Amino acid sequence: MMTKNNIPEASYGILIQNQTDTVIDEVVEQIRMLGYGVIDSGYSSSELKNFSEVFNHTRAEYIKNQGEEKLRAANEYNTIRAPLTHGDEAFLRLALNKNLLPVIKKLIMGKFILNQQNGVINPPGETYNQAAWHRDIPYQHFVSSMPVAINALFCVDDFTFENGSTFLLPASHKAEAFPSAHFIKNNAVQIEAKAGSFIILDCMVFHSGGFNSTGSERRAVNHLYNIPFFKQQINIPRIMPDVSLTDEEKEILGFTFQEFNSVSEYLSR
């Protein structure tokens, strides 16, 4: 029997097969096999509109506080570092999204923490610091049988081919070396996703932002979750505003995985 698009349904000689019962299972299987998947955040249109406004306000305050000249000199003008620590809980709730965390929990065995959260702007008609092939644990050429870190890119705006949506190399999380230019040309795929979606990658998948040929910015918020053996990019617990958090949320944000300052402190914990 054949399906309408001629993919065979029958099989033989198969002793083990993955089973997927939910949308989360399907996304998790694709990420394990190909290194990427897309899920919906569950935000309503009004929530997305509000988040867009919060993003713009946070960005303006960030540039004001850090200084445009300094940010441009450091090639950081199109990035907002650790926005969840800037006072608006919208970014905190995004990092703890109820549709996202179940996927992370299935992909990373055991404990995990938020390593980083960064706002990312792809400006129209110019290059930016994410428009280059990289892994989200850069300079590393190891592979692992299970993910050690997962990247979740929240689409504030629609990701389209025209505005430079993410390019990636499927299954490259299973190879140590960066592929040849010939391989990249023939196998890179570009991911389109609607505003409110998370593009989720195994952190060892090689990927790059594309060129934005439209007249508008494309905005996103990147998250990296990893096993607690990796240090956070910025010490989130040290600079978090005073907000109410559950024990699980404190753990995800890294509060319970800080380095100890002495043997006595270690033993007391």
C-alpha atoms as a PDB file:
ATOM      1  CA  MET A   1       0.000   0.000   0.000  1.00  0.00           C
ATOM      2  CA  MET A   2       1.307   3.475  -0.879  1.00  0.00           C
ATOM      3  CA  THR A   3       0.417   6.819   0.568  1.00  0.00           C
ATOM      4  CA  LYS A   4      -0.732   9.691  -1.668  1.00  0.00           C
ATOM      5  CA  ASN A   5       2.820  11.036  -1.963  1.00  0.00           C
ATOM      6  CA  ASN A   6       4.200   7.579  -2.800  1.00  0.00           C
ATOM      7  CA  ILE A   7       6.129   7.006   0.429  1.00  0.00           C
ATOM      8  CA  PRO A   8       5.953   3.251   1.171  1.00  0.00           C
ATOM      9  CA  GLU A   9       4.005   2.304   4.300  1.00  0.00           C
ATOM     10  CA  ALA A  10       4.993  -1.365   4.384  1.00  0.00           C
ATOM     11  CA  SER A  11       8.265  -2.621   5.893  1.00  0.00           C
ATOM     12  CA  TYR A  12      10.018  -5.883   6.682  1.00  0.00           C
ATOM     13  CA  GLY A  13      12.994  -6.992   8.722  1.00  0.00           C
ATOM     14  CA  ILE A  14      12.316  -4.233  11.280  1.00  0.00           C
ATOM     15  CA  LEU A  15      12.794  -5.220  14.922  1.00  0.00           C
ATOM     16  CA  ILE A  16      12.803  -1.786  16.557  1.00  0.00           C
ATOM     17  CA  GLN A  17      10.782   1.305  15.617  1.00  0.00           C
ATOM     18  CA  ASN A  18      10.236   4.629  17.340  1.00  0.00           C
ATOM     19  CA  GLN A  19       6.686   5.391  18.458  1.00  0.00           C
ATOM     20  CA  THR A  20       5.227   8.900  18.503  1.00  0.00           C
ATOM     21  CA  ASP A  21       1.940   9.542  20.298  1.00  0.00           C
ATOM     22  CA  THR A  22       1.952  13.336  20.565  1.00  0.00           C
ATOM     23  CA  VAL A  23       3.118  16.381  18.629  1.00  0.00           C
ATOM     24  CA  ILE A  24       5.919  16.744  21.166  1.00  0.00           C
ATOM     25  CA  ASP A  25       7.048  13.170  20.457  1.00  0.00           C
ATOM     26  CA  GLU A  26       7.089  13.907  16.724  1.00  0.00           C
ATOM     27  CA  VAL A  27       9.185  17.048  17.155  1.00  0.00           C
ATOM     28  CA  VAL A  28      11.576  15.304  19.547  1.00  0.00           C
ATOM     29  CA  GLU A  29      12.080  12.433  17.087  1.00  0.00           C
ATOM     30  CA  GLN A  30      12.841  14.857  14.244  1.00  0.00           C
ATOM     31  CA  ILE A  31      15.358  16.763  16.382  1.00  0.00           C
ATOM     32  CA  ARG A  32      17.081  13.526  17.370  1.00  0.00           C
ATOM     33  CA  MET A  33      17.229  12.300  13.776  1.00  0.00           C
ATOM     34  CA  LEU A  34      17.783  15.505  11.783  1.00  0.00           C
ATOM     35  CA  GLY A  35      18.819  17.985  14.463  1.00  0.00           C
ATOM     36  CA  TYR A  36      15.925  20.427  14.101  1.00  0.00           C
ATOM     37  CA  GLY A  37      12.179  20.890  14.518  1.00  0.00           C
ATOM     38  CA  VAL A  38       9.514  23.586  14.928  1.00  0.00           C
ATOM     39  CA  ILE A  39       6.822  23.925  17.602  1.00  0.00           C
ATOM     40  CA  ASP A  40       4.207  26.549  18.369  1.00  0.00           C
ATOM     41  CA  SER A  41       4.643  28.555  21.577  1.00  0.00           C
ATOM     42  CA  GLY A  42       0.897  28.682  22.239  1.00  0.00           C
ATOM     43  CA  TYR A  43       0.809  32.489  22.290  1.00  0.00           C
ATOM     44  CA  SER A  44      -2.333  34.236  21.064  1.00  0.00           C
ATOM     45  CA  SER A  45      -2.161  37.031  18.502  1.00  0.00           C
ATOM     46  CA  SER A  46      -2.667  39.633  21.248  1.00  0.00           C
ATOM     47  CA  GLU A  47       0.122  38.081  23.338  1.00  0.00           C
ATOM     48  CA  LEU A  48       2.446  38.143  20.327  1.00  0.00           C
ATOM     49  CA  LYS A  49       1.614  41.796  19.696  1.00  0.00           C
ATOM     50  CA  ASN A  50       2.354  42.622  23.322  1.00  0.00           C
ATOM     51  CA  PHE A  51       5.634  40.709  23.205  1.00  0.00           C
ATOM     52  CA  SER A  52       6.657  42.572  20.052  1.00  0.00           C
ATOM     53  CA  GLU A  53       6.144  45.863  21.890  1.00  0.00           C
ATOM     54  CA  VAL A  54       8.070  44.618  24.932  1.00  0.00           C
ATOM     55  CA  PHE A  55      10.922  43.514  22.659  1.00  0.00           C
ATOM     56  CA  ASN A  56      11.183  46.956  21.068  1.00  0.00           C
ATOM     57  CA  HIS A  57      11.042  48.757  24.415  1.00  0.00           C
ATOM     58  CA  THR A  58      13.670  46.469  25.954  1.00  0.00           C
ATOM     59  CA  ARG A  59      15.926  46.948  22.952  1.00  0.00           C
ATOM     60  CA  ALA A  60      15.660  50.737  23.140  1.00  0.00           C
ATOM     61  CA  GLU A  61      16.508  50.714  26.869  1.00  0.00           C
ATOM     62  CA  TYR A  62      19.380  48.297  26.273  1.00  0.00           C
ATOM     63  CA  ILE A  63      20.945  50.548  23.618  1.00  0.00           C
ATOM     64  CA  LYS A  64      20.448  53.564  25.880  1.00  0.00           C
ATOM     65  CA  ASN A  65      22.104  51.847  28.852  1.00  0.00           C
ATOM     66  CA  GLN A  66      24.981  50.170  26.998  1.00  0.00           C
ATOM     67  CA  GLY A  67      25.628  52.887  24.455  1.00  0.00           C
ATOM     68  CA  GLU A  68      25.121  52.592  20.700  1.00  0.00           C
ATOM     69  CA  GLU A  69      28.738  53.396  19.913  1.00  0.00           C
ATOM     70  CA  LYS A  70      30.052  50.698  22.246  1.00  0.00           C
ATOM     71  CA  LEU A  71      27.607  48.107  20.913  1.00  0.00           C
ATOM     72  CA  ARG A  72      28.473  48.844  17.291  1.00  0.00           C
ATOM     73  CA  ALA A  73      32.199  48.711  18.042  1.00  0.00           C
ATOM     74  CA  ALA A  74      31.753  45.252  19.585  1.00  0.00           C
ATOM     75  CA  ASN A  75      29.522  44.062  16.696  1.00  0.00           C
ATOM     76  CA  GLU A  76      26.721  43.723  19.276  1.00  0.00           C
ATOM     77  CA  TYR A  77      24.275  46.364  18.074  1.00  0.00           C
ATOM     78  CA  ASN A  78      21.787  43.757  16.800  1.00  0.00           C
ATOM     79  CA  THR A  79      21.866  41.662  19.988  1.00  0.00           C
ATOM     80  CA  ILE A  80      20.186  42.079  23.390  1.00  0.00           C
ATOM     81  CA  ARG A  81      22.066  40.063  26.027  1.00  0.00           C
ATOM     82  CA  ALA A  82      20.075  38.355  28.825  1.00  0.00           C
ATOM     83  CA  PRO A  83      16.809  40.283  28.319  1.00  0.00           C
ATOM     84  CA  LEU A  84      15.048  38.199  30.999  1.00  0.00           C
ATOM     85  CA  THR A  85      17.185  40.034  33.578  1.00  0.00           C
ATOM     86  CA  HIS A  86      16.100  43.494  32.399  1.00  0.00           C
ATOM     87  CA  GLY A  87      12.909  43.657  34.441  1.00  0.00           C
ATOM     88  CA  ASP A  88      10.052  42.651  32.114  1.00  0.00           C
ATOM     89  CA  GLU A  89       8.723  39.207  32.981  1.00  0.00           C
ATOM     90  CA  ALA A  90       7.649  38.563  29.370  1.00  0.00           C
ATOM     91  CA  PHE A  91      11.188  37.360  28.568  1.00  0.00           C
ATOM     92  CA  LEU A  92      11.328  35.249  31.729  1.00  0.00           C
ATOM     93  CA  ARG A  93       8.030  33.554  30.874  1.00  0.00           C
ATOM     94  CA  LEU A  94       9.274  32.976  27.337  1.00  0.00           C
ATOM     95  CA  ALA A  95      12.302  31.088  28.665  1.00  0.00           C
ATOM     96  CA  LEU A  96       9.929  28.943  30.758  1.00  0.00           C
ATOM     97  CA  ASN A  97       7.357  28.442  27.982  1.00  0.00           C
ATOM     98  CA  LYS A  98       4.929  25.601  28.723  1.00  0.00           C
ATOM     99  CA  ASN A  99       5.138  24.191  25.175  1.00  0.00           C
ATOM    100  CA  LEU A 100       8.924  24.401  24.994  1.00  0.00           C
ATOM    101  CA  LEU A 101      10.078  22.900  28.292  1.00  0.00           C
ATOM    102  CA  PRO A 102       8.479  19.452  27.713  1.00  0.00           C
ATOM    103  CA  VAL A 103      10.540  19.173  24.511  1.00  0.00           C
ATOM    104  CA  ILE A 104      13.755  20.132  26.313  1.00  0.00           C
ATOM    105  CA  LYS A 105      12.997  17.629  29.089  1.00  0.00           C
ATOM    106  CA  LYS A 106      12.640  14.814  26.571  1.00  0.00           C
ATOM    107  CA  LEU A 107      15.823  15.726  24.696  1.00  0.00           C
ATOM    108  CA  ILE A 108      18.218  16.373  27.604  1.00  0.00           C
ATOM    109  CA  MET A 109      18.375  13.493  30.042  1.00  0.00           C
ATOM    110  CA  GLY A 110      18.405  14.638  33.671  1.00  0.00           C
ATOM    111  CA  LYS A 111      18.981  18.202  34.808  1.00  0.00           C
ATOM    112  CA  PHE A 112      19.384  21.195  32.499  1.00  0.00           C
ATOM    113  CA  ILE A 113      19.774  24.944  32.889  1.00  0.00           C
ATOM    114  CA  LEU A 114      19.266  28.011  30.751  1.00  0.00           C
ATOM    115  CA  ASN A 115      22.739  28.925  29.563  1.00  0.00           C
ATOM    116  CA  GLN A 116      21.718  32.108  27.763  1.00  0.00           C
ATOM    117  CA  GLN A 117      18.859  34.139  26.348  1.00  0.00           C
ATOM    118  CA  ASN A 118      19.591  36.747  23.694  1.00  0.00           C
ATOM    119  CA  GLY A 119      17.419  38.982  21.561  1.00  0.00           C
ATOM    120  CA  VAL A 120      18.566  38.830  17.935  1.00  0.00           C
ATOM    121  CA  ILE A 121      17.759  41.318  15.176  1.00  0.00           C
ATOM    122  CA  ASN A 122      18.418  40.546  11.508  1.00  0.00           C
ATOM    123  CA  PRO A 123      18.570  44.022   9.931  1.00  0.00           C
ATOM    124  CA  PRO A 124      17.335  44.598   6.379  1.00  0.00           C
ATOM    125  CA  GLY A 125      19.894  44.884   3.613  1.00  0.00           C
ATOM    126  CA  GLU A 126      23.038  44.315   5.687  1.00  0.00           C
ATOM    127  CA  THR A 127      24.994  41.551   7.359  1.00  0.00           C
ATOM    128  CA  TYR A 128      24.868  40.881  11.104  1.00  0.00           C
ATOM    129  CA  ASN A 129      26.862  38.810  13.569  1.00  0.00           C
ATOM    130  CA  GLN A 130      24.739  35.657  13.268  1.00  0.00           C
ATOM    131  CA  ALA A 131      24.974  35.471   9.473  1.00  0.00           C
ATOM    132  CA  ALA A 132      27.810  32.937   9.535  1.00  0.00           C
ATOM    133  CA  TRP A 133      27.876  29.178   9.950  1.00  0.00           C
ATOM    134  CA  HIS A 134      28.389  28.110  13.556  1.00  0.00           C
ATOM    135  CA  ARG A 135      27.359  25.742  16.301  1.00  0.00           C
ATOM    136  CA  ASP A 136      25.777  27.162  19.423  1.00  0.00           C
ATOM    137  CA  ILE A 137      28.609  25.657  21.408  1.00  0.00           C
ATOM    138  CA  PRO A 138      31.246  27.229  19.146  1.00  0.00           C
ATOM    139  CA  TYR A 139      34.767  25.936  18.533  1.00  0.00           C
ATOM    140  CA  GLN A 140      33.721  22.376  19.463  1.00  0.00           C
ATOM    141  CA  HIS A 141      34.036  19.364  17.168  1.00  0.00           C
ATOM    142  CA  PHE A 142      32.744  16.514  19.299  1.00  0.00           C
ATOM    143  CA  VAL A 143      29.495  14.592  18.875  1.00  0.00           C
ATOM    144  CA  SER A 144      27.465  12.844  21.564  1.00  0.00           C
ATOM    145  CA  SER A 145      24.904  10.044  21.563  1.00  0.00           C
ATOM    146  CA  MET A 146      22.476  12.293  23.452  1.00  0.00           C
ATOM    147  CA  PRO A 147      22.090  16.089  23.276  1.00  0.00           C
ATOM    148  CA  VAL A 148      24.149  18.082  25.754  1.00  0.00           C
ATOM    149  CA  ALA A 149      22.495  21.365  24.751  1.00  0.00           C
ATOM    150  CA  ILE A 150      19.425  22.502  22.848  1.00  0.00           C
ATOM    151  CA  ASN A 151      18.867  25.793  21.041  1.00  0.00           C
ATOM    152  CA  ALA A 152      15.345  27.276  20.957  1.00  0.00           C
ATOM    153  CA  LEU A 153      14.915  30.295  18.675  1.00  0.00           C
ATOM    154  CA  PHE A 154      11.633  32.136  19.276  1.00  0.00           C
ATOM    155  CA  CYS A 155      10.287  33.898  16.190  1.00  0.00           C
ATOM    156  CA  VAL A 156       9.036  37.362  17.145  1.00  0.00           C
ATOM    157  CA  ASP A 157       8.341  37.936  13.441  1.00  0.00           C
ATOM    158  CA  ASP A 158       7.606  35.497  10.637  1.00  0.00           C
ATOM    159  CA  PHE A 159      10.752  33.752   9.426  1.00  0.00           C
ATOM    160  CA  THR A 160      10.651  33.769   5.628  1.00  0.00           C
ATOM    161  CA  PHE A 161      13.097  33.027   2.845  1.00  0.00           C
ATOM    162  CA  GLU A 162      13.037  36.724   1.936  1.00  0.00           C
ATOM    163  CA  ASN A 163      13.883  38.063   5.403  1.00  0.00           C
ATOM    164  CA  GLY A 164      16.774  35.681   6.018  1.00  0.00           C
ATOM    165  CA  SER A 165      15.250  32.786   7.928  1.00  0.00           C
ATOM    166  CA  THR A 166      17.654  30.280   9.452  1.00  0.00           C
ATOM    167  CA  PHE A 167      19.796  28.026   7.252  1.00  0.00           C
ATOM    168  CA  LEU A 168      20.947  24.707   8.684  1.00  0.00           C
ATOM    169  CA  LEU A 169      22.659  21.470   7.732  1.00  0.00           C
ATOM    170  CA  PRO A 170      20.387  18.553   8.684  1.00  0.00           C
ATOM    171  CA  ALA A 171      21.983  15.827  10.839  1.00  0.00           C
ATOM    172  CA  SER A 172      25.251  17.762  11.122  1.00  0.00           C
ATOM    173  CA  HIS A 173      25.050  17.253  14.899  1.00  0.00           C
ATOM    174  CA  LYS A 174      26.245  13.713  14.177  1.00  0.00           C
ATOM    175  CA  ALA A 175      29.472  14.744  12.428  1.00  0.00           C
ATOM    176  CA  GLU A 176      32.580  16.206  14.029  1.00  0.00           C
ATOM    177  CA  ALA A 177      33.876  18.265  11.117  1.00  0.00           C
ATOM    178  CA  PHE A 178      32.272  21.223   9.370  1.00  0.00           C
ATOM    179  CA  PRO A 179      31.238  19.982   5.904  1.00  0.00           C
ATOM    180  CA  SER A 180      32.832  21.040   2.645  1.00  0.00           C
ATOM    181  CA  ALA A 181      31.549  23.974   0.607  1.00  0.00           C
ATOM    182  CA  HIS A 182      30.214  21.486  -1.969  1.00  0.00           C
ATOM    183  CA  PHE A 183      28.199  19.631   0.679  1.00  0.00           C
ATOM    184  CA  ILE A 184      26.816  22.881   2.109  1.00  0.00           C
ATOM    185  CA  LYS A 185      25.700  24.093  -1.301  1.00  0.00           C
ATOM    186  CA  ASN A 186      23.822  20.859  -2.015  1.00  0.00           C
ATOM    187  CA  ASN A 187      22.381  20.048   1.418  1.00  0.00           C
ATOM    188  CA  ALA A 188      21.679  23.262   3.345  1.00  0.00           C
ATOM    189  CA  VAL A 189      17.986  23.879   4.039  1.00  0.00           C
ATOM    190  CA  GLN A 190      16.265  27.127   4.997  1.00  0.00           C
ATOM    191  CA  ILE A 191      13.512  27.000   7.619  1.00  0.00           C
ATOM    192  CA  GLU A 192      10.362  29.088   7.358  1.00  0.00           C
ATOM    193  CA  ALA A 193       8.337  29.539  10.557  1.00  0.00           C
ATOM    194  CA  LYS A 194       5.453  31.713  11.688  1.00  0.00           C
ATOM    195  CA  ALA A 195       5.748  34.357  14.393  1.00  0.00           C
ATOM    196  CA  GLY A 196       5.165  32.664  17.744  1.00  0.00           C
ATOM    197  CA  SER A 197       7.047  29.505  16.750  1.00  0.00           C
ATOM    198  CA  PHE A 198      10.176  28.048  18.290  1.00  0.00           C
ATOM    199  CA  ILE A 199      12.797  26.706  15.892  1.00  0.00           C
ATOM    200  CA  ILE A 200      14.540  24.062  17.997  1.00  0.00           C
ATOM    201  CA  LEU A 201      18.005  22.743  17.170  1.00  0.00           C
ATOM    202  CA  ASP A 202      20.423  20.295  18.661  1.00  0.00           C
ATOM    203  CA  CYS A 203      23.132  22.789  19.589  1.00  0.00           C
ATOM    204  CA  MET A 204      25.707  20.898  17.518  1.00  0.00           C
ATOM    205  CA  VAL A 205      23.808  21.433  14.256  1.00  0.00           C
ATOM    206  CA  PHE A 206      25.648  23.876  12.020  1.00  0.00           C
ATOM    207  CA  HIS A 207      23.374  26.808  11.181  1.00  0.00           C
ATOM    208  CA  SER A 208      23.418  30.415  10.043  1.00  0.00           C
ATOM    209  CA  GLY A 209      21.138  33.391   9.700  1.00  0.00           C
ATOM    210  CA  GLY A 210      20.337  34.405   6.137  1.00  0.00           C
ATOM    211  CA  PHE A 211      20.423  37.735   4.314  1.00  0.00           C
ATOM    212  CA  ASN A 212      17.375  39.912   4.924  1.00  0.00           C
ATOM    213  CA  SER A 213      16.361  41.283   1.531  1.00  0.00           C
ATOM    214  CA  THR A 214      13.141  42.902   2.775  1.00  0.00           C
ATOM    215  CA  GLY A 215      12.684  46.408   4.129  1.00  0.00           C
ATOM    216  CA  SER A 216      11.921  45.300   7.700  1.00  0.00           C
ATOM    217  CA  GLU A 217      13.903  43.819  10.572  1.00  0.00           C
ATOM    218  CA  ARG A 218      13.425  40.166  11.513  1.00  0.00           C
ATOM    219  CA  ARG A 219      13.458  39.749  15.284  1.00  0.00           C
ATOM    220  CA  ALA A 220      13.945  36.645  17.418  1.00  0.00           C
ATOM    221  CA  VAL A 221      14.914  35.535  20.915  1.00  0.00           C
ATOM    222  CA  ASN A 222      17.479  32.762  21.140  1.00  0.00           C
ATOM    223  CA  HIS A 223      17.714  30.362  24.093  1.00  0.00           C
ATOM    224  CA  LEU A 224      20.340  27.766  24.867  1.00  0.00           C
ATOM    225  CA  TYR A 225      19.582  25.070  27.429  1.00  0.00           C
ATOM    226  CA  ASN A 226      22.334  22.675  28.472  1.00  0.00           C
ATOM    227  CA  ILE A 227      23.428  20.147  31.039  1.00  0.00           C
ATOM    228  CA  PRO A 228      24.646  21.966  34.167  1.00  0.00           C
ATOM    229  CA  PHE A 229      28.310  21.118  33.525  1.00  0.00           C
ATOM    230  CA  PHE A 230      28.565  24.127  31.193  1.00  0.00           C
ATOM    231  CA  LYS A 231      28.803  27.605  32.696  1.00  0.00           C
ATOM    232  CA  GLN A 232      26.193  30.182  31.762  1.00  0.00           C
ATOM    233  CA  GLN A 233      27.182  32.828  29.240  1.00  0.00           C
ATOM    234  CA  ILE A 234      26.187  35.468  31.828  1.00  0.00           C
ATOM    235  CA  ASN A 235      25.515  34.636  35.485  1.00  0.00           C
ATOM    236  CA  ILE A 236      21.717  34.859  35.374  1.00  0.00           C
ATOM    237  CA  PRO A 237      20.966  34.287  39.101  1.00  0.00           C
ATOM    238  CA  ARG A 238      23.349  37.073  40.106  1.00  0.00           C
ATOM    239  CA  ILE A 239      21.572  39.719  38.018  1.00  0.00           C
ATOM    240  CA  MET A 240      17.947  38.524  38.077  1.00  0.00           C
ATOM    241  CA  PRO A 241      15.448  41.053  39.424  1.00  0.00           C
ATOM    242  CA  ASP A 242      13.448  40.073  42.513  1.00  0.00           C
ATOM    243  CA  VAL A 243      10.651  37.946  41.053  1.00  0.00           C
ATOM    244  CA  SER A 244       8.693  35.022  42.436  1.00  0.00           C
ATOM    245  CA  LEU A 245      10.020  31.696  41.121  1.00  0.00           C
ATOM    246  CA  THR A 246       9.148  28.083  41.826  1.00  0.00           C
ATOM    247  CA  ASP A 247      11.899  25.666  42.857  1.00  0.00           C
ATOM    248  CA  GLU A 248      11.861  24.147  39.351  1.00  0.00           C
ATOM    249  CA  GLU A 249      12.144  27.569  37.728  1.00  0.00           C
ATOM    250  CA  LYS A 250      15.065  28.485  39.996  1.00  0.00           C
ATOM    251  CA  GLU A 251      16.767  25.246  38.981  1.00  0.00           C
ATOM    252  CA  ILE A 252      16.270  25.912  35.256  1.00  0.00           C
ATOM    253  CA  LEU A 253      17.670  29.433  35.654  1.00  0.00           C
ATOM    254  CA  GLY A 254      20.761  28.028  37.343  1.00  0.00           C
ATOM    255  CA  PHE A 255      20.213  29.108  40.949  1.00  0.00           C
ATOM    256  CA  THR A 256      20.992  25.637  42.302  1.00  0.00           C
ATOM    257  CA  PHE A 257      24.037  25.070  40.095  1.00  0.00           C
ATOM    258  CA  GLN A 258      26.281  27.952  41.108  1.00  0.00           C
ATOM    259  CA  GLU A 259      29.932  27.299  41.850  1.00  0.00           C
ATOM    260  CA  PHE A 260      30.748  26.909  45.529  1.00  0.00           C
ATOM    261  CA  ASN A 261      33.176  29.377  47.066  1.00  0.00           C
ATOM    262  CA  SER A 262      34.563  26.996  49.681  1.00  0.00           C
ATOM    263  CA  VAL A 263      34.561  23.386  50.833  1.00  0.00           C
ATOM    264  CA  SER A 264      32.355  24.361  53.774  1.00  0.00           C
ATOM    265  CA  GLU A 265      29.783  25.907  51.452  1.00  0.00           C
ATOM    266  CA  TYR A 266      29.820  22.774  49.307  1.00  0.00           C
ATOM    267  CA  LEU A 267      29.268  20.497  52.306  1.00  0.00           C
ATOM    268  CA  SER A 268      26.465  22.680  53.653  1.00  0.00           C
ATOM    269  CA  ARG A 269      24.558  22.341  50.358  1.00  0.00           C
END
